[in-house]
């Protein structure tokens, strides 16, 4: 059975390891560990930046994601972005992301100020895109552009 809980400071090393692995696997990027560690710890210290959610099976953390808020004047509420998604390779295809998504969606549905969920995905990550579509997410409405320093 999958249990989802909010991460705490004691989970920093697990989240850091997951994010290092995800960046390498999906985008072939070697993240700077010190920068990532500082970012994860900052997020854990201030959940208003975006809480991390962990999926556990038999007490072992097997997946995570982070939700970050975006104010929408069009909707007069907050849209939660799902990011930093990672599921251990040995646990993929077993409902871990579905459990995380269901938990986050239920929190949005229960929050009068929340209006919905969004996420972005690397276009090469076809497995994740298929799963997101099965869960009812629409990937056809917007195209994301970015500028990063």
Protein backbone atom coordinates (compact mmCIF):
# COMPACT_ATOMS: atom_id res chain seq x y z
CA UNK A 1 0.00 0.00 0.00
CA UNK A 2 1.25 3.48 -0.90
CA UNK A 3 1.24 6.10 1.84
CA UNK A 4 1.79 9.76 0.97
CA UNK A 5 3.12 12.28 3.46
CA UNK A 6 4.60 15.75 3.45
CA UNK A 7 8.39 15.74 3.58
CA UNK A 8 10.33 17.23 6.45
CA UNK A 9 13.94 18.36 6.91
CA UNK A 10 14.95 14.78 7.71
CA UNK A 11 14.05 13.82 4.11
CA UNK A 12 16.48 16.24 2.45
CA UNK A 13 19.12 13.67 1.44
CA UNK A 14 16.51 11.38 -0.14
CA UNK A 15 14.99 14.24 -2.13
CA UNK A 16 18.43 15.45 -3.22
CA UNK A 17 19.37 11.96 -4.43
CA UNK A 18 16.06 11.60 -6.28
CA UNK A 19 16.48 14.97 -8.01
CA UNK A 20 20.08 14.23 -9.03
CA UNK A 21 18.92 10.93 -10.54
CA UNK A 22 15.89 12.46 -12.28
CA UNK A 23 17.89 15.28 -13.91
CA UNK A 24 20.48 12.82 -15.19
CA UNK A 25 17.94 10.27 -16.43
CA UNK A 26 15.43 12.58 -18.09
CA UNK A 27 17.41 15.61 -19.22
CA UNK A 28 21.00 14.29 -19.15
CA UNK A 29 21.93 17.08 -16.73
CA UNK A 30 24.43 16.79 -13.89
CA UNK A 31 23.05 19.17 -11.29
CA UNK A 32 25.38 21.02 -8.97
CA UNK A 33 24.82 19.10 -5.74
CA UNK A 34 25.56 22.04 -3.43
CA UNK A 35 23.08 24.30 -5.24
CA UNK A 36 20.44 21.57 -5.31
CA UNK A 37 20.97 20.74 -1.63
CA UNK A 38 20.58 24.40 -0.66
CA UNK A 39 17.41 24.64 -2.77
CA UNK A 40 15.86 21.50 -1.32
CA UNK A 41 16.66 22.55 2.23
CA UNK A 42 15.22 26.04 1.59
CA UNK A 43 12.00 24.48 0.33
CA UNK A 44 11.77 22.14 3.29
CA UNK A 45 12.38 25.01 5.71
CA UNK A 46 9.64 27.15 4.12
CA UNK A 47 6.74 25.03 2.80
CA UNK A 48 5.10 28.17 1.34
CA UNK A 49 7.74 27.89 -1.40
CA UNK A 50 6.25 24.54 -2.30
CA UNK A 51 5.97 21.44 -0.14
CA UNK A 52 7.46 18.11 -1.15
CA UNK A 53 5.25 15.02 -1.00
CA UNK A 54 6.75 11.57 -0.50
CA UNK A 55 5.31 8.19 -1.40
CA UNK A 56 6.22 5.33 0.90
CA UNK A 57 5.78 1.60 0.60
CA UNK A 58 6.46 -0.43 3.74
CA UNK A 59 8.15 2.61 5.30
CA UNK A 60 10.59 3.14 2.41
CA UNK A 61 10.43 6.33 0.35
CA UNK A 62 9.91 5.30 -3.28
CA UNK A 63 8.82 8.53 -4.95
CA UNK A 64 8.37 12.24 -4.55
CA UNK A 65 7.04 15.39 -6.10
CA UNK A 66 6.86 19.03 -5.16
CA UNK A 67 3.93 21.40 -5.57
CA UNK A 68 4.55 25.10 -6.06
CA UNK A 69 1.84 27.76 -6.02
CA UNK A 70 1.09 30.14 -8.89
CA UNK A 71 -1.42 32.93 -8.39
CA UNK A 72 -3.97 33.14 -11.21
CA UNK A 73 -5.80 36.43 -11.56
CA UNK A 74 -7.98 34.83 -14.24
CA UNK A 75 -9.20 32.28 -11.72
CA UNK A 76 -8.86 34.37 -8.55
CA UNK A 77 -7.05 31.49 -6.94
CA UNK A 78 -3.92 29.41 -6.89
CA UNK A 79 -2.87 26.82 -9.45
CA UNK A 80 -0.49 24.23 -8.06
CA UNK A 81 2.41 23.26 -10.28
CA UNK A 82 3.66 19.69 -9.93
CA UNK A 83 7.42 19.47 -10.34
CA UNK A 84 10.46 17.50 -9.25
CA UNK A 85 8.67 14.21 -9.89
CA UNK A 86 10.69 11.07 -9.29
CA UNK A 87 9.84 7.43 -8.73
CA UNK A 88 12.54 4.87 -8.04
CA UNK A 89 13.06 2.73 -11.15
CA UNK A 90 12.31 -0.50 -9.27
CA UNK A 91 8.90 0.88 -8.25
CA UNK A 92 7.73 2.32 -11.56
CA UNK A 93 4.54 1.00 -13.09
CA UNK A 94 3.14 0.16 -9.65
CA UNK A 95 0.94 3.18 -9.00
CA UNK A 96 3.42 5.35 -7.08
CA UNK A 97 2.88 8.48 -9.15
CA UNK A 98 -0.86 7.76 -9.28
CA UNK A 99 -0.87 7.72 -5.48
CA UNK A 100 1.05 10.98 -5.26
CA UNK A 101 -1.19 12.61 -7.88
CA UNK A 102 -4.38 11.44 -6.18
CA UNK A 103 -3.16 12.83 -2.86
CA UNK A 104 -2.28 16.23 -4.32
CA UNK A 105 -5.48 16.40 -6.36
CA UNK A 106 -7.57 15.66 -3.27
CA UNK A 107 -5.80 18.50 -1.44
CA UNK A 108 -6.58 20.88 -4.32
CA UNK A 109 -10.22 19.75 -4.37
CA UNK A 110 -10.50 20.39 -0.62
CA UNK A 111 -8.89 23.85 -0.80
CA UNK A 112 -11.35 26.62 -1.73
CA UNK A 113 -8.49 28.86 -2.90
CA UNK A 114 -6.94 26.23 -5.18
CA UNK A 115 -8.08 26.10 -8.78
CA UNK A 116 -6.20 23.21 -10.34
CA UNK A 117 -2.97 21.47 -11.18
CA UNK A 118 -0.35 21.97 -13.86
CA UNK A 119 2.90 20.30 -14.70
CA UNK A 120 5.51 20.37 -17.38
CA UNK A 121 7.35 17.42 -18.82
CA UNK A 122 10.37 17.03 -21.05
CA UNK A 123 8.98 16.23 -24.49
CA UNK A 124 11.34 13.24 -24.75
CA UNK A 125 9.82 11.64 -21.63
CA UNK A 126 7.14 9.70 -23.49
CA UNK A 127 6.45 7.28 -20.65
CA UNK A 128 5.57 10.10 -18.26
CA UNK A 129 3.50 11.87 -20.92
CA UNK A 130 1.40 8.74 -21.49
CA UNK A 131 0.79 8.38 -17.75
CA UNK A 132 -0.20 12.03 -17.35
CA UNK A 133 -2.68 11.70 -20.20
CA UNK A 134 -4.17 8.55 -18.62
CA UNK A 135 -4.72 10.57 -15.45
CA UNK A 136 -6.73 13.13 -17.41
CA UNK A 137 -4.11 15.86 -17.75
CA UNK A 138 -4.33 17.88 -20.97
CA UNK A 139 -0.99 18.60 -22.62
CA UNK A 140 -2.33 20.31 -25.71
CA UNK A 141 -3.46 23.68 -24.37
CA UNK A 142 -0.17 25.51 -23.77
CA UNK A 143 3.42 25.35 -24.84
CA UNK A 144 5.94 26.39 -22.20
CA UNK A 145 8.76 28.82 -22.95
CA UNK A 146 11.47 29.74 -20.51
CA UNK A 147 14.48 31.90 -19.90
CA UNK A 148 16.79 30.75 -17.13
CA UNK A 149 19.78 32.52 -15.71
